[in-house]
Amino acid sequence: MACIGIDLGTTYSCVSIIENGRPVAIHNDDGKYTVPSVVAFTDKEILVGNPALEYTSDLSRVLYGGLFHFKSWH
């Protein structure tokens, strides 16, 4: 059975999988194991992490502090 763990923190998030019975954190292209918990919606794409932090064209299209928002949706 495949298992995945996701930590949606208010500042940073990370993902882990189980490999040979042990948790292994997944790193991004930069070799980092955490990414900023920020998502930006442009006209053409969805930006996640550092690219979303750098998106300043329209701040009303940027979501941050996602865990807070998830808790308020139920």
PDB file of N, CA and C in Angstrom:
ATOM      1  N   MET A   1       0.840  -1.172   0.000  1.00  0.00           N
ATOM      2  CA  MET A   1       0.000   0.000   0.000  1.00  0.00           C
ATOM      3  C   MET A   1       0.893   1.245   0.000  1.00  0.00           C
ATOM      4  N   ALA A   2       0.545   2.213  -0.814  1.00  0.00           N
ATOM      5  CA  ALA A   2       1.286   3.476  -0.877  1.00  0.00           C
ATOM      6  C   ALA A   2       0.785   4.417   0.212  1.00  0.00           C
ATOM      7  N   CYS A   3       1.697   5.107   0.851  1.00  0.00           N
ATOM      8  CA  CYS A   3       1.345   6.091   1.878  1.00  0.00           C
ATOM      9  C   CYS A   3       2.067   7.395   1.585  1.00  0.00           C
ATOM     10  N   ILE A   4       1.374   8.482   1.862  1.00  0.00           N
ATOM     11  CA  ILE A   4       1.949   9.810   1.693  1.00  0.00           C
ATOM     12  C   ILE A   4       1.527  10.651   2.894  1.00  0.00           C
ATOM     13  N   GLY A   5       2.418  11.469   3.370  1.00  0.00           N
ATOM     14  CA  GLY A   5       2.109  12.381   4.463  1.00  0.00           C
ATOM     15  C   GLY A   5       2.328  13.803   3.998  1.00  0.00           C
ATOM     16  N   ILE A   6       1.376  14.667   4.297  1.00  0.00           N
ATOM     17  CA  ILE A   6       1.467  16.067   3.885  1.00  0.00           C
ATOM     18  C   ILE A   6       1.318  16.942   5.116  1.00  0.00           C
ATOM     19  N   ASP A   7       2.280  17.796   5.354  1.00  0.00           N
ATOM     20  CA  ASP A   7       2.221  18.767   6.445  1.00  0.00           C
ATOM     21  C   ASP A   7       1.948  20.130   5.827  1.00  0.00           C
ATOM     22  N   LEU A   8       0.704  20.587   5.944  1.00  0.00           N
ATOM     23  CA  LEU A   8       0.326  21.904   5.425  1.00  0.00           C
ATOM     24  C   LEU A   8       0.465  22.923   6.547  1.00  0.00           C
ATOM     25  N   GLY A   9       1.646  23.436   6.707  1.00  0.00           N
ATOM     26  CA  GLY A   9       1.889  24.431   7.742  1.00  0.00           C
ATOM     27  C   GLY A   9       1.458  25.818   7.296  1.00  0.00           C
ATOM     28  N   THR A  10       1.314  26.712   8.243  1.00  0.00           N
ATOM     29  CA  THR A  10       0.899  28.071   7.896  1.00  0.00           C
ATOM     30  C   THR A  10       2.018  28.860   7.231  1.00  0.00           C
ATOM     31  N   THR A  11       3.268  28.469   7.456  1.00  0.00           N
ATOM     32  CA  THR A  11       4.404  29.157   6.853  1.00  0.00           C
ATOM     33  C   THR A  11       5.090  28.300   5.794  1.00  0.00           C
ATOM     34  N   TYR A  12       5.365  27.053   6.117  1.00  0.00           N
ATOM     35  CA  TYR A  12       6.008  26.117   5.192  1.00  0.00           C
ATOM     36  C   TYR A  12       5.243  24.800   5.172  1.00  0.00           C
ATOM     37  N   SER A  13       5.357  24.068   4.065  1.00  0.00           N
ATOM     38  CA  SER A  13       4.728  22.758   3.918  1.00  0.00           C
ATOM     39  C   SER A  13       5.764  21.754   3.435  1.00  0.00           C
ATOM     40  N   CYS A  14       5.495  20.467   3.705  1.00  0.00           N
ATOM     41  CA  CYS A  14       6.379  19.417   3.209  1.00  0.00           C
ATOM     42  C   CYS A  14       5.575  18.147   2.950  1.00  0.00           C
ATOM     43  N   VAL A  15       6.185  17.233   2.187  1.00  0.00           N
ATOM     44  CA  VAL A  15       5.552  15.968   1.818  1.00  0.00           C
ATOM     45  C   VAL A  15       6.535  14.840   2.090  1.00  0.00           C
ATOM     46  N   SER A  16       6.024  13.728   2.618  1.00  0.00           N
ATOM     47  CA  SER A  16       6.840  12.539   2.849  1.00  0.00           C
ATOM     48  C   SER A  16       6.132  11.316   2.298  1.00  0.00           C
ATOM     49  N   ILE A  17       6.921  10.295   1.976  1.00  0.00           N
ATOM     50  CA  ILE A  17       6.384   9.002   1.567  1.00  0.00           C
ATOM     51  C   ILE A  17       6.997   7.935   2.467  1.00  0.00           C
ATOM     52  N   ILE A  18       6.427   6.748   2.437  1.00  0.00           N
ATOM     53  CA  ILE A  18       7.011   5.619   3.154  1.00  0.00           C
ATOM     54  C   ILE A  18       7.829   4.815   2.149  1.00  0.00           C
ATOM     55  N   GLU A  19       9.097   4.620   2.467  1.00  0.00           N
ATOM     56  CA  GLU A  19       9.999   3.869   1.602  1.00  0.00           C
ATOM     57  C   GLU A  19      10.738   2.850   2.467  1.00  0.00           C
ATOM     58  N   ASN A  20      10.579   1.576   2.154  1.00  0.00           N
ATOM     59  CA  ASN A  20      11.176   0.500   2.958  1.00  0.00           C
ATOM     60  C   ASN A  20      10.764   0.598   4.421  1.00  0.00           C
ATOM     61  N   GLY A  21       9.494   0.962   4.650  1.00  0.00           N
ATOM     62  CA  GLY A  21       8.960   1.024   6.007  1.00  0.00           C
ATOM     63  C   GLY A  21       9.344   2.254   6.798  1.00  0.00           C
ATOM     64  N   ARG A  22      10.023   3.204   6.174  1.00  0.00           N
ATOM     65  CA  ARG A  22      10.462   4.415   6.889  1.00  0.00           C
ATOM     66  C   ARG A  22       9.995   5.659   6.149  1.00  0.00           C
ATOM     67  N   PRO A  23       9.673   6.727   6.886  1.00  0.00           N
ATOM     68  CA  PRO A  23       9.275   7.966   6.210  1.00  0.00           C
ATOM     69  C   PRO A  23      10.474   8.645   5.549  1.00  0.00           C
ATOM     70  N   VAL A  24      10.248   9.143   4.343  1.00  0.00           N
ATOM     71  CA  VAL A  24      11.289   9.854   3.595  1.00  0.00           C
ATOM     72  C   VAL A  24      10.689  11.165   3.094  1.00  0.00           C
ATOM     73  N   ALA A  25      11.293  12.274   3.486  1.00  0.00           N
ATOM     74  CA  ALA A  25      10.817  13.586   3.025  1.00  0.00           C
ATOM     75  C   ALA A  25      11.208  13.779   1.565  1.00  0.00           C
ATOM     76  N   ILE A  26      10.303  14.374   0.796  1.00  0.00           N
ATOM     77  CA  ILE A  26      10.532  14.638  -0.621  1.00  0.00           C
ATOM     78  C   ILE A  26      11.109  16.045  -0.766  1.00  0.00           C
ATOM     79  N   HIS A  27      12.185  16.168  -1.514  1.00  0.00           N
ATOM     80  CA  HIS A  27      12.774  17.497  -1.725  1.00  0.00           C
ATOM     81  C   HIS A  27      12.356  18.038  -3.090  1.00  0.00           C
ATOM     82  N   ASN A  28      12.426  19.358  -3.224  1.00  0.00           N
ATOM     83  CA  ASN A  28      12.078  19.996  -4.499  1.00  0.00           C
ATOM     84  C   ASN A  28      13.322  20.113  -5.377  1.00  0.00           C
ATOM     85  N   ASP A  29      13.193  20.794  -6.498  1.00  0.00           N
ATOM     86  CA  ASP A  29      14.314  20.935  -7.433  1.00  0.00           C
ATOM     87  C   ASP A  29      15.513  21.662  -6.827  1.00  0.00           C
ATOM     88  N   ASP A  30      15.262  22.485  -5.805  1.00  0.00           N
ATOM     89  CA  ASP A  30      16.344  23.213  -5.136  1.00  0.00           C
ATOM     90  C   ASP A  30      17.011  22.382  -4.044  1.00  0.00           C
ATOM     91  N   GLY A  31      16.514  21.164  -3.803  1.00  0.00           N
ATOM     92  CA  GLY A  31      17.057  20.321  -2.752  1.00  0.00           C
ATOM     93  C   GLY A  31      16.483  20.608  -1.379  1.00  0.00           C
ATOM     94  N   LYS A  32      15.508  21.493  -1.298  1.00  0.00           N
ATOM     95  CA  LYS A  32      14.896  21.838  -0.015  1.00  0.00           C
ATOM     96  C   LYS A  32      13.722  20.903   0.265  1.00  0.00           C
ATOM     97  N   TYR A  33      13.520  20.606   1.546  1.00  0.00           N
ATOM     98  CA  TYR A  33      12.454  19.690   1.944  1.00  0.00           C
ATOM     99  C   TYR A  33      11.158  20.405   2.313  1.00  0.00           C
ATOM    100  N   THR A  34      11.203  21.703   2.417  1.00  0.00           N
ATOM    101  CA  THR A  34       9.986  22.471   2.687  1.00  0.00           C
ATOM    102  C   THR A  34       9.830  23.551   1.623  1.00  0.00           C
ATOM    103  N   VAL A  35       8.588  23.941   1.404  1.00  0.00           N
ATOM    104  CA  VAL A  35       8.289  25.036   0.473  1.00  0.00           C
ATOM    105  C   VAL A  35       7.374  26.016   1.185  1.00  0.00           C
ATOM    106  N   PRO A  36       7.454  27.290   0.856  1.00  0.00           N
ATOM    107  CA  PRO A  36       6.536  28.252   1.452  1.00  0.00           C
ATOM    108  C   PRO A  36       5.081  27.860   1.161  1.00  0.00           C
ATOM    109  N   SER A  37       4.229  27.992   2.148  1.00  0.00           N
ATOM    110  CA  SER A  37       2.808  27.652   2.005  1.00  0.00           C
ATOM    111  C   SER A  37       2.067  28.803   1.338  1.00  0.00           C
ATOM    112  N   VAL A  38       2.365  29.002   0.064  1.00  0.00           N
ATOM    113  CA  VAL A  38       1.788  30.095  -0.716  1.00  0.00           C
ATOM    114  C   VAL A  38       1.396  29.558  -2.085  1.00  0.00           C
ATOM    115  N   VAL A  39       0.214  29.958  -2.567  1.00  0.00           N
ATOM    116  CA  VAL A  39      -0.257  29.596  -3.904  1.00  0.00           C
ATOM    117  C   VAL A  39      -0.728  30.870  -4.586  1.00  0.00           C
ATOM    118  N   ALA A  40      -0.334  31.068  -5.843  1.00  0.00           N
ATOM    119  CA  ALA A  40      -0.777  32.228  -6.626  1.00  0.00           C
ATOM    120  C   ALA A  40      -1.447  31.730  -7.904  1.00  0.00           C
ATOM    121  N   PHE A  41      -2.527  32.374  -8.276  1.00  0.00           N
ATOM    122  CA  PHE A  41      -3.283  32.010  -9.470  1.00  0.00           C
ATOM    123  C   PHE A  41      -3.111  33.106 -10.515  1.00  0.00           C
ATOM    124  N   THR A  42      -2.370  32.803 -11.587  1.00  0.00           N
ATOM    125  CA  THR A  42      -2.199  33.768 -12.671  1.00  0.00           C
ATOM    126  C   THR A  42      -3.233  33.459 -13.748  1.00  0.00           C
ATOM    127  N   ASP A  43      -3.229  34.224 -14.809  1.00  0.00           N
ATOM    128  CA  ASP A  43      -4.145  33.945 -15.915  1.00  0.00           C
ATOM    129  C   ASP A  43      -3.789  32.652 -16.644  1.00  0.00           C
ATOM    130  N   LYS A  44      -2.532  32.212 -16.534  1.00  0.00           N
ATOM    131  CA  LYS A  44      -2.073  31.056 -17.302  1.00  0.00           C
ATOM    132  C   LYS A  44      -1.696  29.839 -16.475  1.00  0.00           C
ATOM    133  N   GLU A  45      -1.382  30.028 -15.189  1.00  0.00           N
ATOM    134  CA  GLU A  45      -0.891  28.900 -14.404  1.00  0.00           C
ATOM    135  C   GLU A  45      -1.126  29.105 -12.915  1.00  0.00           C
ATOM    136  N   ILE A  46      -0.871  28.037 -12.163  1.00  0.00           N
ATOM    137  CA  ILE A  46      -0.924  28.085 -10.707  1.00  0.00           C
ATOM    138  C   ILE A  46       0.515  27.982 -10.210  1.00  0.00           C
ATOM    139  N   LEU A  47       0.928  28.947  -9.408  1.00  0.00           N
ATOM    140  CA  LEU A  47       2.284  28.973  -8.861  1.00  0.00           C
ATOM    141  C   LEU A  47       2.244  28.506  -7.413  1.00  0.00           C
ATOM    142  N   VAL A  48       3.239  27.725  -7.009  1.00  0.00           N
ATOM    143  CA  VAL A  48       3.300  27.186  -5.655  1.00  0.00           C
ATOM    144  C   VAL A  48       4.674  27.463  -5.069  1.00  0.00           C
ATOM    145  N   GLY A  49       4.720  27.806  -3.789  1.00  0.00           N
ATOM    146  CA  GLY A  49       5.995  27.989  -3.096  1.00  0.00           C
ATOM    147  C   GLY A  49       6.693  29.283  -3.461  1.00  0.00           C
ATOM    148  N   ASN A  50       8.002  29.197  -3.700  1.00  0.00           N
ATOM    149  CA  ASN A  50       8.797  30.396  -3.983  1.00  0.00           C
ATOM    150  C   ASN A  50       8.310  31.183  -5.193  1.00  0.00           C
ATOM    151  N   PRO A  51       7.955  30.533  -6.318  1.00  0.00           N
ATOM    152  CA  PRO A  51       7.424  31.314  -7.442  1.00  0.00           C
ATOM    153  C   PRO A  51       6.161  32.099  -7.058  1.00  0.00           C
ATOM    154  N   ALA A  52       5.339  31.525  -6.194  1.00  0.00           N
ATOM    155  CA  ALA A  52       4.137  32.236  -5.747  1.00  0.00           C
ATOM    156  C   ALA A  52       4.506  33.434  -4.876  1.00  0.00           C
ATOM    157  N   LEU A  53       5.549  33.286  -4.059  1.00  0.00           N
ATOM    158  CA  LEU A  53       6.010  34.413  -3.236  1.00  0.00           C
ATOM    159  C   LEU A  53       6.497  35.571  -4.102  1.00  0.00           C
ATOM    160  N   GLU A  54       7.079  35.246  -5.241  1.00  0.00           N
ATOM    161  CA  GLU A  54       7.630  36.265  -6.133  1.00  0.00           C
ATOM    162  C   GLU A  54       6.568  36.915  -7.018  1.00  0.00           C
ATOM    163  N   TYR A  55       5.362  36.343  -7.062  1.00  0.00           N
ATOM    164  CA  TYR A  55       4.290  36.871  -7.903  1.00  0.00           C
ATOM    165  C   TYR A  55       3.676  38.089  -7.208  1.00  0.00           C
ATOM    166  N   THR A  56       3.859  39.259  -7.786  1.00  0.00           N
ATOM    167  CA  THR A  56       3.359  40.484  -7.157  1.00  0.00           C
ATOM    168  C   THR A  56       2.440  41.278  -8.072  1.00  0.00           C
ATOM    169  N   SER A  57       2.052  40.697  -9.207  1.00  0.00           N
ATOM    170  CA  SER A  57       1.212  41.425 -10.161  1.00  0.00           C
ATOM    171  C   SER A  57      -0.165  41.740  -9.605  1.00  0.00           C
ATOM    172  N   ASP A  58      -0.749  40.800  -8.845  1.00  0.00           N
ATOM    173  CA  ASP A  58      -2.091  40.997  -8.295  1.00  0.00           C
ATOM    174  C   ASP A  58      -2.192  40.205  -6.999  1.00  0.00           C
ATOM    175  N   LEU A  59      -1.938  40.855  -5.873  1.00  0.00           N
ATOM    176  CA  LEU A  59      -1.897  40.164  -4.589  1.00  0.00           C
ATOM    177  C   LEU A  59      -3.244  39.582  -4.172  1.00  0.00           C
ATOM    178  N   SER A  60      -4.340  40.018  -4.804  1.00  0.00           N
ATOM    179  CA  SER A  60      -5.644  39.432  -4.483  1.00  0.00           C
ATOM    180  C   SER A  60      -5.752  38.005  -5.023  1.00  0.00           C
ATOM    181  N   ARG A  61      -4.789  37.581  -5.842  1.00  0.00           N
ATOM    182  CA  ARG A  61      -4.790  36.235  -6.418  1.00  0.00           C
ATOM    183  C   ARG A  61      -3.767  35.325  -5.738  1.00  0.00           C
ATOM    184  N   VAL A  62      -3.333  35.723  -4.535  1.00  0.00           N
ATOM    185  CA  VAL A  62      -2.339  34.958  -3.788  1.00  0.00           C
ATOM    186  C   VAL A  62      -2.980  34.443  -2.499  1.00  0.00           C
ATOM    187  N   LEU A  63      -2.837  33.132  -2.249  1.00  0.00           N
ATOM    188  CA  LEU A  63      -3.369  32.494  -1.043  1.00  0.00           C
ATOM    189  C   LEU A  63      -2.199  32.108  -0.156  1.00  0.00           C
ATOM    190  N   TYR A  64      -2.232  32.487   1.099  1.00  0.00           N
ATOM    191  CA  TYR A  64      -1.194  32.114   2.050  1.00  0.00           C
ATOM    192  C   TYR A  64      -1.856  31.763   3.367  1.00  0.00           C
ATOM    193  N   GLY A  65      -1.117  31.116   4.256  1.00  0.00           N
ATOM    194  CA  GLY A  65      -1.706  30.669   5.518  1.00  0.00           C
ATOM    195  C   GLY A  65      -2.815  29.663   5.262  1.00  0.00           C
ATOM    196  N   GLY A  66      -2.578  28.730   4.343  1.00  0.00           N
ATOM    197  CA  GLY A  66      -3.600  27.792   3.878  1.00  0.00           C
ATOM    198  C   GLY A  66      -4.247  26.967   4.961  1.00  0.00           C
ATOM    199  N   LEU A  67      -3.505  26.564   5.980  1.00  0.00           N
ATOM    200  CA  LEU A  67      -4.080  25.740   7.029  1.00  0.00           C
ATOM    201  C   LEU A  67      -5.221  26.472   7.718  1.00  0.00           C
ATOM    202  N   PHE A  68      -5.058  27.755   7.947  1.00  0.00           N
ATOM    203  CA  PHE A  68      -6.124  28.548   8.557  1.00  0.00           C
ATOM    204  C   PHE A  68      -7.377  28.499   7.687  1.00  0.00           C
ATOM    205  N   HIS A  69      -7.201  28.644   6.373  1.00  0.00           N
ATOM    206  CA  HIS A  69      -8.344  28.631   5.462  1.00  0.00           C
ATOM    207  C   HIS A  69      -9.009  27.263   5.396  1.00  0.00           C
ATOM    208  N   PHE A  70      -8.222  26.176   5.417  1.00  0.00           N
ATOM    209  CA  PHE A  70      -8.806  24.840   5.398  1.00  0.00           C
ATOM    210  C   PHE A  70      -9.670  24.620   6.629  1.00  0.00           C
ATOM    211  N   LYS A  71      -9.208  25.069   7.780  1.00  0.00           N
ATOM    212  CA  LYS A  71      -9.971  24.883   9.011  1.00  0.00           C
ATOM    213  C   LYS A  71     -11.292  25.637   8.966  1.00  0.00           C
ATOM    214  N   SER A  72     -11.323  26.769   8.286  1.00  0.00           N
ATOM    215  CA  SER A  72     -12.549  27.571   8.273  1.00  0.00           C
ATOM    216  C   SER A  72     -13.537  27.103   7.216  1.00  0.00           C
ATOM    217  N   TRP A  73     -13.153  26.141   6.347  1.00  0.00           N
ATOM    218  CA  TRP A  73     -14.042  25.700   5.279  1.00  0.00           C
ATOM    219  C   TRP A  73     -15.060  24.664   5.735  1.00  0.00           C
ATOM    220  N   HIS A  74     -14.843  23.970   6.840  1.00  0.00           N
ATOM    221  CA  HIS A  74     -15.785  22.897   7.201  1.00  0.00           C
ATOM    222  C   HIS A  74     -16.962  23.412   7.977  1.00  0.00           C
TER     223      HIS A  74
END
